Amino acid sequence: MEASGAKLLPFYIVIDASFSMSGSKIDSANKIIGQVRDALAQNPILTDKVRIGLVDFADDAQVQLPLCDVLDPSLTMPVVKPRGGTSYVAAFRLLRSTIAANIKQLKADGFKVHRPAVFFLSDGAPTDPPADWKAAFADLAGDKGYPNVITFGVDDADAHVLQALIHPSKGEKQMRMYLMDKGEDAAKAITSMAEIMISSVLESGRSLSHGESGIKLPDQEDLPPGVTAHAADDDFV
């Protein structure tokens, strides 16, 4: 059992696995964990600070990669396969139970745990009734160990829904939403969004190693082409 008392920062990458993600979009999404692993391999000192997990969702939600050190040589890379609709309720409920269980285990193993971050990627609107997904998200965001939620939208993702999922939505540590620019290729946009996720993982890990706290997100001028950042109070069409 590890009992170093070190502080860890968990990241959950949550990928829409509905049928609309079939083809090049899911192919790009499936490369994200490998890209995160490669980035951390070049910055191995940060693996003492961060843990990565992967959840996908369609009609149901599944933990495809339990929270882990992605440089573990025994790790088998997950493969997300499209399989159904777009239940945000399933994603939020699974995230809530998974995060709670992970935090409990990490603390039992002797770690201190920073508030987790969720990177939520979707290409469509939720198929759940609005009252249901709003209630499920309120339960997730209302927990004592609530995660910071950063949303990513491509193709037919409902920008107003994703904007409502930014959490915290205000204050000094407010999170953001990243949208594919109109006319961009969705698969390429997902690759660009992976760059944003990787930048956040690395910079947040470095911040933690220097005794600071909080999720670090790239500034607008540092974003890859084809993606635009928005705050929770931004007005846009």
C-alpha atoms as a PDB file:
ATOM      1  CA  MET A   1       0.000   0.000   0.000  1.00  0.00           C
ATOM      2  CA  GLU A   2       1.297   3.426  -0.932  1.00  0.00           C
ATOM      3  CA  ALA A   3       1.185   5.862   1.955  1.00  0.00           C
ATOM      4  CA  SER A   4       3.311   8.741   0.774  1.00  0.00           C
ATOM      5  CA  GLY A   5       0.787  11.414   1.641  1.00  0.00           C
ATOM      6  CA  ALA A   6       1.380  12.833  -1.851  1.00  0.00           C
ATOM      7  CA  LYS A   7      -1.403  14.855  -3.432  1.00  0.00           C
ATOM      8  CA  LEU A   8      -2.951  13.449  -6.593  1.00  0.00           C
ATOM      9  CA  LEU A   9      -5.055  15.144  -9.243  1.00  0.00           C
ATOM     10  CA  PRO A  10      -7.526  12.775 -10.963  1.00  0.00           C
ATOM     11  CA  PHE A  11      -8.624  13.440 -14.550  1.00  0.00           C
ATOM     12  CA  TYR A  12     -11.618  11.690 -16.093  1.00  0.00           C
ATOM     13  CA  ILE A  13     -11.926  11.758 -19.876  1.00  0.00           C
ATOM     14  CA  VAL A  14     -15.595  11.191 -20.749  1.00  0.00           C
ATOM     15  CA  ILE A  15     -16.344  10.325 -24.375  1.00  0.00           C
ATOM     16  CA  ASP A  16     -19.657  10.214 -26.194  1.00  0.00           C
ATOM     17  CA  ALA A  17     -19.934   6.689 -27.651  1.00  0.00           C
ATOM     18  CA  SER A  18     -23.252   7.126 -29.443  1.00  0.00           C
ATOM     19  CA  PHE A  19     -23.635   5.857 -32.997  1.00  0.00           C
ATOM     20  CA  SER A  20     -23.203   9.400 -34.322  1.00  0.00           C
ATOM     21  CA  MET A  21     -19.542   9.211 -33.243  1.00  0.00           C
ATOM     22  CA  SER A  22     -18.887   6.330 -35.649  1.00  0.00           C
ATOM     23  CA  GLY A  23     -16.001   6.552 -38.085  1.00  0.00           C
ATOM     24  CA  SER A  24     -13.240   9.134 -37.943  1.00  0.00           C
ATOM     25  CA  LYS A  25     -14.627  10.847 -34.836  1.00  0.00           C
ATOM     26  CA  ILE A  26     -14.408   7.767 -32.632  1.00  0.00           C
ATOM     27  CA  ASP A  27     -11.031   6.948 -34.189  1.00  0.00           C
ATOM     28  CA  SER A  28      -9.715  10.344 -33.072  1.00  0.00           C
ATOM     29  CA  ALA A  29     -11.297   9.978 -29.643  1.00  0.00           C
ATOM     30  CA  ASN A  30      -9.665   6.577 -29.187  1.00  0.00           C
ATOM     31  CA  LYS A  31      -6.238   8.155 -29.629  1.00  0.00           C
ATOM     32  CA  ILE A  32      -6.671  10.551 -26.695  1.00  0.00           C
ATOM     33  CA  ILE A  33      -5.500   8.226 -23.913  1.00  0.00           C
ATOM     34  CA  GLY A  34      -2.452   7.210 -25.946  1.00  0.00           C
ATOM     35  CA  GLN A  35      -1.629  10.856 -26.587  1.00  0.00           C
ATOM     36  CA  VAL A  36      -1.927  11.625 -22.870  1.00  0.00           C
ATOM     37  CA  ARG A  37       0.317   8.662 -22.084  1.00  0.00           C
ATOM     38  CA  ASP A  38       2.933   9.803 -24.607  1.00  0.00           C
ATOM     39  CA  ALA A  39       2.915  13.333 -23.189  1.00  0.00           C
ATOM     40  CA  LEU A  40       3.365  12.044 -19.639  1.00  0.00           C
ATOM     41  CA  ALA A  41       6.151   9.708 -20.804  1.00  0.00           C
ATOM     42  CA  GLN A  42       8.052  12.860 -21.783  1.00  0.00           C
ATOM     43  CA  ASN A  43       7.274  14.371 -18.358  1.00  0.00           C
ATOM     44  CA  PRO A  44       7.504  11.299 -16.085  1.00  0.00           C
ATOM     45  CA  ILE A  45       7.860  13.308 -12.888  1.00  0.00           C
ATOM     46  CA  LEU A  46       4.227  14.361 -13.326  1.00  0.00           C
ATOM     47  CA  THR A  47       2.957  10.790 -13.085  1.00  0.00           C
ATOM     48  CA  ASP A  48       3.422  11.146  -9.322  1.00  0.00           C
ATOM     49  CA  LYS A  49       0.822  13.918  -9.446  1.00  0.00           C
ATOM     50  CA  VAL A  50      -1.907  12.832 -11.873  1.00  0.00           C
ATOM     51  CA  ARG A  51      -4.145   9.850 -12.505  1.00  0.00           C
ATOM     52  CA  ILE A  52      -6.197   9.297 -15.656  1.00  0.00           C
ATOM     53  CA  GLY A  53      -9.482   7.460 -16.179  1.00  0.00           C
ATOM     54  CA  LEU A  54     -11.745   6.960 -19.188  1.00  0.00           C
ATOM     55  CA  VAL A  55     -15.541   6.729 -19.173  1.00  0.00           C
ATOM     56  CA  ASP A  56     -17.720   6.405 -22.253  1.00  0.00           C
ATOM     57  CA  PHE A  57     -21.456   6.768 -22.582  1.00  0.00           C
ATOM     58  CA  ALA A  58     -24.230   5.924 -25.018  1.00  0.00           C
ATOM     59  CA  ASP A  59     -27.526   4.450 -23.784  1.00  0.00           C
ATOM     60  CA  ASP A  60     -25.468   3.362 -20.795  1.00  0.00           C
ATOM     61  CA  ALA A  61     -22.108   4.444 -19.391  1.00  0.00           C
ATOM     62  CA  GLN A  62     -19.031   2.309 -18.809  1.00  0.00           C
ATOM     63  CA  VAL A  63     -15.651   2.741 -17.145  1.00  0.00           C
ATOM     64  CA  GLN A  64     -13.326   1.798 -19.990  1.00  0.00           C
ATOM     65  CA  LEU A  65     -10.150   2.660 -18.078  1.00  0.00           C
ATOM     66  CA  PRO A  66     -10.190   2.735 -14.270  1.00  0.00           C
ATOM     67  CA  LEU A  67      -8.326   5.671 -12.756  1.00  0.00           C
ATOM     68  CA  CYS A  68      -4.641   4.822 -13.068  1.00  0.00           C
ATOM     69  CA  ASP A  69      -1.065   5.770 -13.817  1.00  0.00           C
ATOM     70  CA  VAL A  70      -1.093   5.568 -17.623  1.00  0.00           C
ATOM     71  CA  LEU A  71       2.632   4.786 -17.669  1.00  0.00           C
ATOM     72  CA  ASP A  72       1.992   1.482 -15.923  1.00  0.00           C
ATOM     73  CA  PRO A  73       3.625  -1.058 -18.292  1.00  0.00           C
ATOM     74  CA  SER A  74       0.825  -3.556 -17.688  1.00  0.00           C
ATOM     75  CA  LEU A  75      -1.826  -1.138 -18.908  1.00  0.00           C
ATOM     76  CA  THR A  76      -4.076  -2.313 -21.734  1.00  0.00           C
ATOM     77  CA  MET A  77      -5.284   0.590 -23.819  1.00  0.00           C
ATOM     78  CA  PRO A  78      -9.088   0.798 -24.001  1.00  0.00           C
ATOM     79  CA  VAL A  79     -11.046   0.962 -27.242  1.00  0.00           C
ATOM     80  CA  VAL A  80     -14.333   2.852 -27.324  1.00  0.00           C
ATOM     81  CA  LYS A  81     -16.918   1.468 -29.757  1.00  0.00           C
ATOM     82  CA  PRO A  82     -20.123   3.284 -30.785  1.00  0.00           C
ATOM     83  CA  ARG A  83     -23.180   1.504 -29.479  1.00  0.00           C
ATOM     84  CA  GLY A  84     -26.343   3.573 -28.910  1.00  0.00           C
ATOM     85  CA  GLY A  85     -27.902   6.896 -27.986  1.00  0.00           C
ATOM     86  CA  THR A  86     -26.633   9.838 -25.944  1.00  0.00           C
ATOM     87  CA  SER A  87     -27.605   9.476 -22.297  1.00  0.00           C
ATOM     88  CA  TYR A  88     -26.018  12.243 -20.273  1.00  0.00           C
ATOM     89  CA  VAL A  89     -27.894  10.853 -17.261  1.00  0.00           C
ATOM     90  CA  ALA A  90     -25.987   7.573 -17.508  1.00  0.00           C
ATOM     91  CA  ALA A  91     -22.685   9.459 -17.754  1.00  0.00           C
ATOM     92  CA  PHE A  92     -23.352  11.727 -14.770  1.00  0.00           C
ATOM     93  CA  ARG A  93     -24.597   8.916 -12.535  1.00  0.00           C
ATOM     94  CA  LEU A  94     -21.620   6.708 -13.280  1.00  0.00           C
ATOM     95  CA  LEU A  95     -19.209   9.592 -12.815  1.00  0.00           C
ATOM     96  CA  ARG A  96     -20.706  10.401  -9.433  1.00  0.00           C
ATOM     97  CA  SER A  97     -20.347   6.863  -8.080  1.00  0.00           C
ATOM     98  CA  THR A  98     -16.953   6.283  -9.701  1.00  0.00           C
ATOM     99  CA  ILE A  99     -15.402   9.508  -8.414  1.00  0.00           C
ATOM    100  CA  ALA A 100     -16.679   8.846  -4.894  1.00  0.00           C
ATOM    101  CA  ALA A 101     -15.265   5.311  -4.905  1.00  0.00           C
ATOM    102  CA  ASN A 102     -11.922   6.451  -6.352  1.00  0.00           C
ATOM    103  CA  ILE A 103     -11.460   9.231  -3.819  1.00  0.00           C
ATOM    104  CA  LYS A 104     -12.272   6.869  -0.969  1.00  0.00           C
ATOM    105  CA  GLN A 105      -9.742   4.317  -2.212  1.00  0.00           C
ATOM    106  CA  LEU A 106      -6.999   6.858  -2.875  1.00  0.00           C
ATOM    107  CA  LYS A 107      -7.384   8.269   0.620  1.00  0.00           C
ATOM    108  CA  ALA A 108      -7.317   4.756   2.068  1.00  0.00           C
ATOM    109  CA  ASP A 109      -4.050   4.234   0.174  1.00  0.00           C
ATOM    110  CA  GLY A 110      -2.554   7.244   1.916  1.00  0.00           C
ATOM    111  CA  PHE A 111      -2.949   9.899  -0.768  1.00  0.00           C
ATOM    112  CA  LYS A 112      -4.345  13.372  -0.531  1.00  0.00           C
ATOM    113  CA  VAL A 113      -6.712  14.056  -3.420  1.00  0.00           C
ATOM    114  CA  HIS A 114      -7.189  17.294  -5.294  1.00  0.00           C
ATOM    115  CA  ARG A 115     -10.634  18.017  -6.683  1.00  0.00           C
ATOM    116  CA  PRO A 116     -10.987  15.899  -9.860  1.00  0.00           C
ATOM    117  CA  ALA A 117     -11.375  17.248 -13.377  1.00  0.00           C
ATOM    118  CA  VAL A 118     -13.791  15.906 -15.983  1.00  0.00           C
ATOM    119  CA  PHE A 119     -13.211  16.457 -19.709  1.00  0.00           C
ATOM    120  CA  PHE A 120     -16.644  15.842 -21.239  1.00  0.00           C
ATOM    121  CA  LEU A 121     -16.691  15.347 -25.035  1.00  0.00           C
ATOM    122  CA  SER A 122     -19.909  15.049 -27.040  1.00  0.00           C
ATOM    123  CA  ASP A 123     -21.067  15.416 -30.631  1.00  0.00           C
ATOM    124  CA  GLY A 124     -24.799  15.601 -29.948  1.00  0.00           C
ATOM    125  CA  ALA A 125     -27.574  16.656 -27.615  1.00  0.00           C
ATOM    126  CA  PRO A 126     -28.667  14.410 -24.738  1.00  0.00           C
ATOM    127  CA  THR A 127     -31.446  11.962 -25.526  1.00  0.00           C
ATOM    128  CA  ASP A 128     -32.671  12.154 -21.918  1.00  0.00           C
ATOM    129  CA  PRO A 129     -35.510  14.524 -20.960  1.00  0.00           C
ATOM    130  CA  PRO A 130     -34.048  17.884 -19.854  1.00  0.00           C
ATOM    131  CA  ALA A 131     -35.352  17.511 -16.313  1.00  0.00           C
ATOM    132  CA  ASP A 132     -33.575  14.153 -15.974  1.00  0.00           C
ATOM    133  CA  TRP A 133     -30.102  15.181 -17.162  1.00  0.00           C
ATOM    134  CA  LYS A 134     -30.289  18.445 -15.230  1.00  0.00           C
ATOM    135  CA  ALA A 135     -31.150  16.545 -12.040  1.00  0.00           C
ATOM    136  CA  ALA A 136     -28.376  14.009 -12.609  1.00  0.00           C
ATOM    137  CA  PHE A 137     -25.835  16.783 -13.210  1.00  0.00           C
ATOM    138  CA  ALA A 138     -27.047  18.679 -10.136  1.00  0.00           C
ATOM    139  CA  ASP A 139     -26.407  15.546  -8.072  1.00  0.00           C
ATOM    140  CA  LEU A 140     -22.882  15.269  -9.484  1.00  0.00           C
ATOM    141  CA  ALA A 141     -22.073  18.950  -9.045  1.00  0.00           C
ATOM    142  CA  GLY A 142     -23.655  19.058  -5.595  1.00  0.00           C
ATOM    143  CA  ASP A 143     -21.463  16.367  -4.072  1.00  0.00           C
ATOM    144  CA  LYS A 144     -18.808  17.372  -1.553  1.00  0.00           C
ATOM    145  CA  GLY A 145     -16.185  15.964  -3.907  1.00  0.00           C
ATOM    146  CA  TYR A 146     -17.721  17.539  -7.007  1.00  0.00           C
ATOM    147  CA  PRO A 147     -15.465  17.612 -10.068  1.00  0.00           C
ATOM    148  CA  ASN A 148     -14.380  20.558 -12.143  1.00  0.00           C
ATOM    149  CA  VAL A 149     -16.172  20.031 -15.466  1.00  0.00           C
ATOM    150  CA  ILE A 150     -14.726  21.198 -18.783  1.00  0.00           C
ATOM    151  CA  THR A 151     -16.892  20.502 -21.826  1.00  0.00           C
ATOM    152  CA  PHE A 152     -15.981  19.896 -25.473  1.00  0.00           C
ATOM    153  CA  GLY A 153     -18.445  19.973 -28.362  1.00  0.00           C
ATOM    154  CA  VAL A 154     -18.162  18.920 -31.998  1.00  0.00           C
ATOM    155  CA  ASP A 155     -20.641  18.554 -34.869  1.00  0.00           C
ATOM    156  CA  ASP A 156     -24.230  18.583 -33.525  1.00  0.00           C
ATOM    157  CA  ALA A 157     -23.365  19.055 -29.861  1.00  0.00           C
ATOM    158  CA  ASP A 158     -25.797  21.459 -28.201  1.00  0.00           C
ATOM    159  CA  ALA A 159     -23.595  24.376 -27.190  1.00  0.00           C
ATOM    160  CA  HIS A 160     -26.148  25.737 -24.741  1.00  0.00           C
ATOM    161  CA  VAL A 161     -26.399  22.380 -22.971  1.00  0.00           C
ATOM    162  CA  LEU A 162     -22.620  22.022 -22.779  1.00  0.00           C
ATOM    163  CA  GLN A 163     -22.341  25.579 -21.517  1.00  0.00           C
ATOM    164  CA  ALA A 164     -24.751  24.697 -18.703  1.00  0.00           C
ATOM    165  CA  LEU A 165     -22.403  21.885 -17.671  1.00  0.00           C
ATOM    166  CA  ILE A 166     -19.380  24.119 -17.066  1.00  0.00           C
ATOM    167  CA  HIS A 167     -18.596  23.775 -13.378  1.00  0.00           C
ATOM    168  CA  PRO A 168     -17.701  25.857 -11.477  1.00  0.00           C
ATOM    169  CA  SER A 169     -19.371  28.370 -13.753  1.00  0.00           C
ATOM    170  CA  LYS A 170     -18.134  31.517 -12.029  1.00  0.00           C
ATOM    171  CA  GLY A 171     -15.490  32.816  -9.681  1.00  0.00           C
ATOM    172  CA  GLU A 172     -11.710  32.811  -9.961  1.00  0.00           C
ATOM    173  CA  LYS A 173     -11.588  29.108 -10.768  1.00  0.00           C
ATOM    174  CA  GLN A 174     -14.391  28.909 -13.313  1.00  0.00           C
ATOM    175  CA  MET A 175     -14.008  26.279 -16.006  1.00  0.00           C
ATOM    176  CA  ARG A 176     -14.670  26.606 -19.756  1.00  0.00           C
ATOM    177  CA  MET A 177     -16.300  25.054 -22.798  1.00  0.00           C
ATOM    178  CA  TYR A 178     -14.458  24.371 -26.049  1.00  0.00           C
ATOM    179  CA  LEU A 179     -16.384  24.249 -29.317  1.00  0.00           C
ATOM    180  CA  MET A 180     -15.433  23.190 -32.810  1.00  0.00           C
ATOM    181  CA  ASP A 181     -15.504  26.172 -35.156  1.00  0.00           C
ATOM    182  CA  LYS A 182     -18.131  26.062 -37.891  1.00  0.00           C
ATOM    183  CA  GLY A 183     -16.951  24.320 -41.021  1.00  0.00           C
ATOM    184  CA  GLU A 184     -14.152  22.435 -39.290  1.00  0.00           C
ATOM    185  CA  ASP A 185     -13.638  18.699 -39.635  1.00  0.00           C
ATOM    186  CA  ALA A 186     -14.938  17.005 -36.473  1.00  0.00           C
ATOM    187  CA  ALA A 187     -12.205  14.367 -36.274  1.00  0.00           C
ATOM    188  CA  LYS A 188      -9.519  17.048 -36.567  1.00  0.00           C
ATOM    189  CA  ALA A 189     -11.318  19.131 -33.945  1.00  0.00           C
ATOM    190  CA  ILE A 190     -11.263  16.183 -31.542  1.00  0.00           C
ATOM    191  CA  THR A 191      -7.507  15.897 -32.107  1.00  0.00           C
ATOM    192  CA  SER A 192      -7.175  19.602 -31.306  1.00  0.00           C
ATOM    193  CA  MET A 193      -9.302  19.134 -28.199  1.00  0.00           C
ATOM    194  CA  ALA A 194      -6.980  16.323 -27.127  1.00  0.00           C
ATOM    195  CA  GLU A 195      -4.161  18.875 -27.246  1.00  0.00           C
ATOM    196  CA  ILE A 196      -6.143  21.102 -24.869  1.00  0.00           C
ATOM    197  CA  MET A 197      -6.720  18.190 -22.489  1.00  0.00           C
ATOM    198  CA  ILE A 198      -3.041  17.232 -22.563  1.00  0.00           C
ATOM    199  CA  SER A 199      -1.976  20.835 -21.947  1.00  0.00           C
ATOM    200  CA  SER A 200      -4.297  20.983 -18.952  1.00  0.00           C
ATOM    201  CA  VAL A 201      -3.024  17.682 -17.524  1.00  0.00           C
ATOM    202  CA  LEU A 202       0.613  18.754 -17.841  1.00  0.00           C
ATOM    203  CA  GLU A 203       0.226  22.324 -16.591  1.00  0.00           C
ATOM    204  CA  SER A 204      -2.046  21.284 -13.730  1.00  0.00           C
ATOM    205  CA  GLY A 205       0.432  18.594 -12.724  1.00  0.00           C
ATOM    206  CA  ARG A 206       3.302  21.074 -12.797  1.00  0.00           C
ATOM    207  CA  SER A 207       1.266  23.511 -10.726  1.00  0.00           C
ATOM    208  CA  LEU A 208       0.588  20.826  -8.137  1.00  0.00           C
ATOM    209  CA  SER A 209       4.261  19.896  -7.989  1.00  0.00           C
ATOM    210  CA  HIS A 210       5.023  23.542  -7.133  1.00  0.00           C
ATOM    211  CA  GLY A 211       2.579  23.549  -4.254  1.00  0.00           C
ATOM    212  CA  GLU A 212      -0.193  25.340  -6.099  1.00  0.00           C
ATOM    213  CA  SER A 213      -3.696  24.039  -6.730  1.00  0.00           C
ATOM    214  CA  GLY A 214      -6.396  24.297  -9.332  1.00  0.00           C
ATOM    215  CA  ILE A 215      -6.975  23.090 -12.866  1.00  0.00           C
ATOM    216  CA  LYS A 216      -4.956  24.955 -15.464  1.00  0.00           C
ATOM    217  CA  LEU A 217      -6.537  25.571 -18.870  1.00  0.00           C
ATOM    218  CA  PRO A 218      -4.820  27.093 -21.915  1.00  0.00           C
ATOM    219  CA  ASP A 219      -5.551  30.690 -22.818  1.00  0.00           C
ATOM    220  CA  GLN A 220      -7.508  31.475 -25.982  1.00  0.00           C
ATOM    221  CA  GLU A 221      -4.366  32.585 -27.815  1.00  0.00           C
ATOM    222  CA  ASP A 222      -2.716  29.242 -27.063  1.00  0.00           C
ATOM    223  CA  LEU A 223      -5.530  27.086 -28.473  1.00  0.00           C
ATOM    224  CA  PRO A 224      -4.960  24.944 -31.554  1.00  0.00           C
ATOM    225  CA  PRO A 225      -6.773  26.103 -34.706  1.00  0.00           C
ATOM    226  CA  GLY A 226     -10.403  25.153 -35.224  1.00  0.00           C
ATOM    227  CA  VAL A 227     -11.464  25.384 -31.580  1.00  0.00           C
ATOM    228  CA  THR A 228     -12.852  28.313 -29.578  1.00  0.00           C
ATOM    229  CA  ALA A 229     -13.162  28.660 -25.801  1.00  0.00           C
ATOM    230  CA  HIS A 230     -16.270  29.984 -24.055  1.00  0.00           C
ATOM    231  CA  ALA A 231     -17.136  30.847 -20.470  1.00  0.00           C
ATOM    232  CA  ALA A 232     -20.421  29.976 -18.797  1.00  0.00           C
ATOM    233  CA  ASP A 233     -21.709  33.529 -19.172  1.00  0.00           C
ATOM    234  CA  ASP A 234     -20.702  34.030 -22.817  1.00  0.00           C
ATOM    235  CA  ASP A 235     -23.414  34.945 -25.312  1.00  0.00           C
ATOM    236  CA  PHE A 236     -23.106  33.221 -28.662  1.00  0.00           C
ATOM    237  CA  VAL A 237     -25.292  32.000 -31.508  1.00  0.00           C
END
